[in-house]
Amino acid sequence: MIAATADPDARPVTLIPHDNAAGRSLTAVIAILTFLACLCAGGAVWLASATSAWGTDVAREITIQIKPHPGSDVDAETAKALDLVARSPAISSAQAPSREETQQMLAPWLGSGLDLTQLPIPRLVTATLSSRADASALDALRSQVLQAAPDATFDDHAVWVSHITGVGRSLTLLAGLLFALVVAAIAIAIAFATRAAMAGAREIVEVLHFVGASDGYITQHFQRYFFLQSAKGTAVGGAAALFMFLVGEGFAHRGDSADGAAMTMLLGSFHLPFMGYVAILGVCVALVAMAGLFSRRVAATQLRVYY
């Protein structure tokens, strides 16, 4: 063993056995934590993208609700409101569901065999804003609609946009916090594994010191070992996360199934952006680099403690 390590440029004996239970356990732990970290990173990117899309879609629409009241002609008020909205330069398209269409929309909740003609069911006018829409144009349209239908409710969905943005930011922050915790867990696992490996190879390290091997030469081999172990674990964990997102995306697109339709209704069109996959690959590369550098630093610290 001493002859094999007398030349610092020669390949030394193995300081850490590569095929043992401790190494396999560390690889499994890193794979699991990497999977969770990639899920957090991809989820954060998807949440940011989905929140932006939801907010944009909601902000581009307005809804006018015209409530019937005694002595009013709700159909006439609806027609006036629709005409005002359609002629506004701030609106690109507008429509008002008929009474029959409104009843069909209520059928899943109220049933299809009820006579809804005697109920004070509000009429709706929905519109999509044009690119030329601004606050002054919407305020003018609001005033015109309320003059034509005093009991109408003009909703530009600003409250919903604020709520969606706030919830999206909170969930993205939570995903970032979970990601940081997972990375910290990986760092702690690498630190304990490096210290255990240093303790197990202490006699070999003493011999290497005796024949003149430098601290950098010794720590390099610990760094290489944990770099390879983390590379195996992150490859498995990252691949599992990518597979999970692809399966989820494919499952969400199964609109013909009840589960797929429910998932689409809950999450919208589930689609991880390209930056999400880039983020997952970046997380895997960063974790491998972190494991190698961190193990080298811990090994160097332990050498200063021992010697």
Protein backbone atom coordinates (compact mmCIF):
# COMPACT_ATOMS: atom_id res chain seq x y z
CA MET A 1 0.00 0.00 0.00
CA ILE A 2 2.87 2.34 0.82
CA ALA A 3 4.58 1.54 -2.46
CA ALA A 4 1.43 2.24 -4.35
CA THR A 5 1.17 5.67 -2.81
CA ALA A 6 4.80 6.77 -2.64
CA ASP A 7 4.46 8.74 -5.84
CA PRO A 8 1.83 11.44 -5.28
CA ASP A 9 1.02 11.36 -8.99
CA ALA A 10 0.28 7.63 -8.94
CA ARG A 11 -3.19 6.29 -8.36
CA PRO A 12 -3.49 5.40 -4.63
CA VAL A 13 -5.29 2.59 -2.99
CA THR A 14 -8.99 3.18 -2.64
CA LEU A 15 -9.66 5.28 0.42
CA ILE A 16 -13.38 4.51 0.37
CA PRO A 17 -14.84 1.20 -0.84
CA HIS A 18 -17.04 2.01 -3.84
CA ASP A 19 -19.36 -0.96 -3.53
CA ASN A 20 -20.66 -1.03 0.02
CA ALA A 21 -23.96 -0.55 1.83
CA ALA A 22 -23.06 2.95 3.01
CA GLY A 23 -22.36 4.15 -0.53
CA ARG A 24 -25.56 2.65 -1.90
CA SER A 25 -27.57 4.13 0.97
CA LEU A 26 -26.06 7.57 0.34
CA THR A 27 -26.88 7.31 -3.36
CA ALA A 28 -30.48 6.38 -2.54
CA VAL A 29 -30.81 9.29 -0.10
CA ILE A 30 -29.41 11.74 -2.65
CA ALA A 31 -31.75 10.34 -5.31
CA ILE A 32 -34.80 10.85 -3.09
CA LEU A 33 -33.78 14.35 -2.02
CA THR A 34 -32.91 15.29 -5.60
CA PHE A 35 -36.33 14.09 -6.72
CA LEU A 36 -37.97 16.34 -4.12
CA ALA A 37 -35.71 19.27 -5.02
CA CYS A 38 -36.52 18.90 -8.73
CA LEU A 39 -40.23 18.71 -7.96
CA CYS A 40 -39.94 21.95 -5.97
CA ALA A 41 -37.95 23.68 -8.71
CA GLY A 42 -40.24 22.52 -11.52
CA GLY A 43 -43.32 23.26 -9.43
CA ALA A 44 -42.10 26.79 -8.71
CA VAL A 45 -41.57 27.46 -12.43
CA TRP A 46 -44.96 25.97 -13.30
CA LEU A 47 -46.71 27.98 -10.58
CA ALA A 48 -45.11 31.21 -11.76
CA SER A 49 -46.09 30.48 -15.36
CA ALA A 50 -49.61 29.33 -14.49
CA THR A 51 -50.23 32.30 -12.20
CA SER A 52 -49.12 34.70 -14.90
CA ALA A 53 -51.35 32.99 -17.47
CA TRP A 54 -54.36 32.88 -15.13
CA GLY A 55 -53.91 36.52 -14.19
CA THR A 56 -53.59 37.57 -17.83
CA ASP A 57 -56.70 35.64 -18.87
CA VAL A 58 -58.80 36.96 -16.00
CA ALA A 59 -57.56 40.53 -16.42
CA ARG A 60 -58.55 40.51 -20.12
CA GLU A 61 -62.20 39.83 -19.36
CA ILE A 62 -65.06 41.75 -17.76
CA THR A 63 -68.42 40.48 -16.61
CA ILE A 64 -71.61 42.49 -16.31
CA GLN A 65 -74.36 40.99 -14.20
CA ILE A 66 -77.84 42.43 -14.69
CA LYS A 67 -80.21 41.56 -11.87
CA PRO A 68 -83.96 41.61 -12.50
CA HIS A 69 -86.06 43.80 -10.24
CA PRO A 70 -89.79 44.65 -10.15
CA GLY A 71 -90.85 46.89 -13.01
CA SER A 72 -87.69 46.36 -15.07
CA ASP A 73 -87.22 44.70 -18.42
CA VAL A 74 -84.10 42.63 -17.87
CA ASP A 75 -83.96 41.55 -21.51
CA ALA A 76 -84.01 45.15 -22.72
CA GLU A 77 -81.36 46.19 -20.20
CA THR A 78 -79.22 43.26 -21.24
CA ALA A 79 -79.53 44.24 -24.90
CA LYS A 80 -78.56 47.87 -24.10
CA ALA A 81 -75.60 46.79 -22.05
CA LEU A 82 -74.44 44.39 -24.77
CA ASP A 83 -74.74 47.12 -27.39
CA LEU A 84 -72.72 49.57 -25.28
CA VAL A 85 -70.05 47.02 -24.59
CA ALA A 86 -69.81 45.86 -28.20
CA ARG A 87 -69.41 49.46 -29.47
CA SER A 88 -66.73 50.37 -26.94
CA PRO A 89 -63.19 50.70 -28.35
CA ALA A 90 -61.88 48.99 -25.21
CA ILE A 91 -63.69 45.74 -26.09
CA SER A 92 -62.66 43.27 -28.75
CA SER A 93 -65.60 40.86 -28.38
CA ALA A 94 -68.75 40.60 -26.28
CA GLN A 95 -71.62 38.19 -25.86
CA ALA A 96 -74.70 37.73 -23.70
CA PRO A 97 -75.91 34.17 -23.09
CA SER A 98 -79.61 33.80 -23.75
CA ARG A 99 -82.06 32.87 -21.01
CA GLU A 100 -82.07 29.29 -22.26
CA GLU A 101 -78.28 29.13 -22.25
CA THR A 102 -78.21 30.56 -18.72
CA GLN A 103 -80.63 27.87 -17.59
CA GLN A 104 -78.45 25.21 -19.19
CA MET A 105 -75.44 26.53 -17.28
CA LEU A 106 -77.42 26.27 -14.03
CA ALA A 107 -78.76 22.80 -14.80
CA PRO A 108 -75.82 20.90 -13.23
CA TRP A 109 -76.58 22.59 -9.89
CA LEU A 110 -80.36 23.05 -10.01
CA GLY A 111 -81.36 20.09 -12.16
CA SER A 112 -82.85 19.93 -15.63
CA GLY A 113 -86.48 19.37 -14.77
CA LEU A 114 -87.15 22.66 -12.95
CA ASP A 115 -89.05 25.63 -14.33
CA LEU A 116 -86.62 28.51 -13.85
CA THR A 117 -88.69 31.17 -15.59
CA GLN A 118 -90.17 32.36 -12.29
CA LEU A 119 -86.79 32.73 -10.57
CA PRO A 120 -84.95 36.08 -10.59
CA ILE A 121 -82.00 34.68 -12.50
CA PRO A 122 -79.49 37.41 -13.43
CA ARG A 123 -78.42 37.88 -17.03
CA LEU A 124 -74.76 38.10 -17.94
CA VAL A 125 -72.74 40.02 -20.47
CA THR A 126 -69.18 38.83 -20.91
CA ALA A 127 -66.56 40.72 -22.87
CA THR A 128 -62.88 40.46 -23.76
CA LEU A 129 -60.73 43.55 -23.53
CA SER A 130 -58.82 44.77 -26.53
CA SER A 131 -55.18 45.77 -26.54
CA ARG A 132 -56.26 49.43 -26.55
CA ALA A 133 -58.17 49.12 -23.28
CA ASP A 134 -57.07 51.42 -20.47
CA ALA A 135 -58.44 52.54 -17.13
CA SER A 136 -60.18 55.65 -18.52
CA ALA A 137 -61.96 53.66 -21.24
CA LEU A 138 -63.16 51.09 -18.70
CA ASP A 139 -64.39 53.83 -16.35
CA ALA A 140 -66.34 55.45 -19.20
CA LEU A 141 -67.84 52.09 -20.18
CA ARG A 142 -68.76 51.39 -16.56
CA SER A 143 -70.64 54.70 -16.31
CA GLN A 144 -72.53 54.07 -19.55
CA VAL A 145 -73.54 50.56 -18.51
CA LEU A 146 -74.75 51.68 -15.08
CA GLN A 147 -76.84 54.43 -16.68
CA ALA A 148 -78.48 51.92 -19.00
CA ALA A 149 -78.92 49.29 -16.27
CA PRO A 150 -78.78 50.88 -12.78
CA ASP A 151 -78.93 47.52 -11.02
CA ALA A 152 -76.09 46.01 -13.04
CA THR A 153 -72.80 44.89 -11.49
CA PHE A 154 -69.69 45.73 -13.49
CA ASP A 155 -66.83 43.38 -12.58
CA ASP A 156 -63.39 43.89 -14.11
CA HIS A 157 -61.98 40.99 -12.03
CA ALA A 158 -59.32 43.18 -10.41
CA VAL A 159 -59.98 41.52 -7.05
CA TRP A 160 -59.60 38.06 -8.58
CA VAL A 161 -56.35 39.07 -10.28
CA SER A 162 -55.01 40.34 -6.96
CA HIS A 163 -56.02 37.12 -5.18
CA ILE A 164 -54.56 34.88 -7.89
CA THR A 165 -51.29 36.82 -7.90
CA GLY A 166 -51.04 36.70 -4.11
CA VAL A 167 -51.75 32.98 -3.91
CA GLY A 168 -49.32 32.25 -6.74
CA ARG A 169 -46.55 34.21 -5.04
CA SER A 170 -47.19 32.48 -1.73
CA LEU A 171 -47.10 29.01 -3.30
CA THR A 172 -43.96 29.89 -5.27
CA LEU A 173 -42.30 31.13 -2.10
CA LEU A 174 -43.31 27.92 -0.33
CA ALA A 175 -41.81 25.84 -3.14
CA GLY A 176 -38.60 27.86 -2.88
CA LEU A 177 -38.47 27.33 0.88
CA LEU A 178 -38.97 23.58 0.48
CA PHE A 179 -36.24 23.53 -2.15
CA ALA A 180 -33.84 25.28 0.21
CA LEU A 181 -34.64 22.77 2.97
CA VAL A 182 -34.02 19.83 0.63
CA VAL A 183 -30.68 21.29 -0.47
CA ALA A 184 -29.72 21.77 3.18
CA ALA A 185 -30.64 18.15 3.87
CA ILE A 186 -28.39 17.00 1.00
CA ALA A 187 -25.53 19.11 2.35
CA ILE A 188 -25.96 17.63 5.83
CA ALA A 189 -26.04 14.09 4.43
CA ILE A 190 -22.84 14.72 2.45
CA ALA A 191 -21.15 16.21 5.51
CA PHE A 192 -21.96 13.24 7.75
CA ALA A 193 -21.00 10.75 5.04
CA THR A 194 -17.68 12.51 4.43
CA ARG A 195 -16.84 12.56 8.12
CA ALA A 196 -17.74 8.88 8.44
CA ALA A 197 -15.60 8.02 5.43
CA MET A 198 -12.69 10.05 6.86
CA ALA A 199 -13.00 8.21 10.15
CA GLY A 200 -13.11 4.83 8.41
CA ALA A 201 -10.03 5.59 6.27
CA ARG A 202 -8.02 7.29 9.00
CA GLU A 203 -5.27 4.64 9.05
CA ILE A 204 -4.82 4.88 5.28
CA VAL A 205 -4.76 8.67 5.49
CA GLU A 206 -2.05 8.48 8.19
CA VAL A 207 0.08 6.27 5.93
CA LEU A 208 -0.42 8.66 3.01
CA HIS A 209 0.68 11.53 5.22
CA PHE A 210 3.69 9.49 6.29
CA VAL A 211 4.83 8.96 2.68
CA GLY A 212 4.42 12.66 1.89
CA ALA A 213 0.95 12.95 0.29
CA SER A 214 -0.47 16.46 0.55
CA ASP A 215 -3.85 17.33 2.03
CA GLY A 216 -5.08 18.41 -1.39
CA TYR A 217 -4.10 15.05 -2.83
CA ILE A 218 -6.12 13.23 -0.14
CA THR A 219 -9.17 15.46 -0.23
CA GLN A 220 -9.27 15.14 -4.01
CA HIS A 221 -10.11 11.46 -3.72
CA PHE A 222 -12.89 12.08 -1.23
CA GLN A 223 -14.24 14.75 -3.53
CA ARG A 224 -14.13 12.38 -6.52
CA TYR A 225 -15.92 9.63 -4.59
CA PHE A 226 -18.78 11.81 -3.37
CA PHE A 227 -18.99 13.53 -6.75
CA LEU A 228 -19.60 10.18 -8.42
CA GLN A 229 -22.06 9.04 -5.74
CA SER A 230 -24.05 12.28 -5.99
CA ALA A 231 -23.96 12.10 -9.79
CA LYS A 232 -25.59 8.67 -9.67
CA GLY A 233 -28.21 9.81 -7.16
CA THR A 234 -29.07 13.06 -8.91
CA ALA A 235 -29.33 11.28 -12.25
CA VAL A 236 -31.91 8.89 -10.82
CA GLY A 237 -33.80 11.58 -8.89
CA GLY A 238 -33.79 14.06 -11.76
CA ALA A 239 -34.97 11.46 -14.24
CA ALA A 240 -37.77 10.43 -11.87
CA ALA A 241 -38.87 14.07 -11.53
CA LEU A 242 -38.86 14.60 -15.30
CA PHE A 243 -40.87 11.42 -15.73
CA MET A 244 -43.34 12.59 -13.08
CA PHE A 245 -43.94 15.90 -14.83
CA LEU A 246 -44.31 14.23 -18.23
CA VAL A 247 -46.79 11.72 -16.82
CA GLY A 248 -48.74 14.49 -15.08
CA GLU A 249 -48.86 16.54 -18.25
CA GLY A 250 -50.05 13.58 -20.29
CA PHE A 251 -52.63 12.66 -17.66
CA ALA A 252 -53.97 16.22 -17.52
CA HIS A 253 -54.39 16.24 -21.29
CA ARG A 254 -56.68 13.21 -21.15
CA GLY A 255 -59.77 15.39 -21.30
CA ASP A 256 -61.95 12.44 -22.31
CA SER A 257 -61.55 10.81 -18.90
CA ALA A 258 -63.27 11.99 -15.76
CA ASP A 259 -60.01 12.20 -13.81
CA GLY A 260 -58.29 14.12 -16.58
CA ALA A 261 -61.17 16.56 -16.87
CA ALA A 262 -61.20 17.09 -13.11
CA MET A 263 -57.47 17.72 -13.06
CA THR A 264 -57.74 20.16 -15.96
CA MET A 265 -60.57 21.99 -14.19
CA LEU A 266 -58.54 22.22 -11.00
CA LEU A 267 -55.10 23.04 -12.40
CA GLY A 268 -55.93 24.36 -15.83
CA SER A 269 -53.86 23.23 -18.79
CA PHE A 270 -51.01 21.54 -16.93
CA HIS A 271 -47.89 22.18 -18.96
CA LEU A 272 -44.40 22.58 -17.56
CA PRO A 273 -42.65 25.35 -19.52
CA PHE A 274 -39.31 24.76 -21.18
CA MET A 275 -37.64 26.74 -18.39
CA GLY A 276 -39.04 24.19 -15.93
CA TYR A 277 -37.05 21.39 -17.57
CA VAL A 278 -34.02 23.66 -17.71
CA ALA A 279 -34.47 24.35 -14.00
CA ILE A 280 -34.60 20.63 -13.20
CA LEU A 281 -31.42 19.93 -15.17
CA GLY A 282 -29.78 22.96 -13.55
CA VAL A 283 -30.72 21.68 -10.11
CA CYS A 284 -29.13 18.30 -10.84
CA VAL A 285 -25.89 19.88 -12.07
CA ALA A 286 -25.80 22.28 -9.12
CA LEU A 287 -26.36 19.48 -6.60
CA VAL A 288 -23.57 17.36 -8.07
CA ALA A 289 -21.18 20.31 -8.01
CA MET A 290 -22.25 21.19 -4.47
CA ALA A 291 -21.70 17.63 -3.26
CA GLY A 292 -18.19 17.51 -4.71
CA LEU A 293 -17.10 20.90 -3.39
CA PHE A 294 -18.75 20.43 0.00
CA SER A 295 -17.20 17.01 0.54
CA ARG A 296 -13.76 18.41 -0.32
CA ARG A 297 -14.23 21.24 2.15
CA VAL A 298 -15.41 18.90 4.92
CA ALA A 299 -12.51 16.52 4.23
CA ALA A 300 -10.01 19.39 4.40
CA THR A 301 -11.54 20.53 7.70
CA GLN A 302 -11.31 17.03 9.15
CA LEU A 303 -7.67 16.74 8.10
CA ARG A 304 -6.87 19.93 9.99
CA VAL A 305 -8.62 18.47 13.04
CA TYR A 306 -6.76 15.14 12.87
CA TYR A 307 -3.35 16.58 12.08
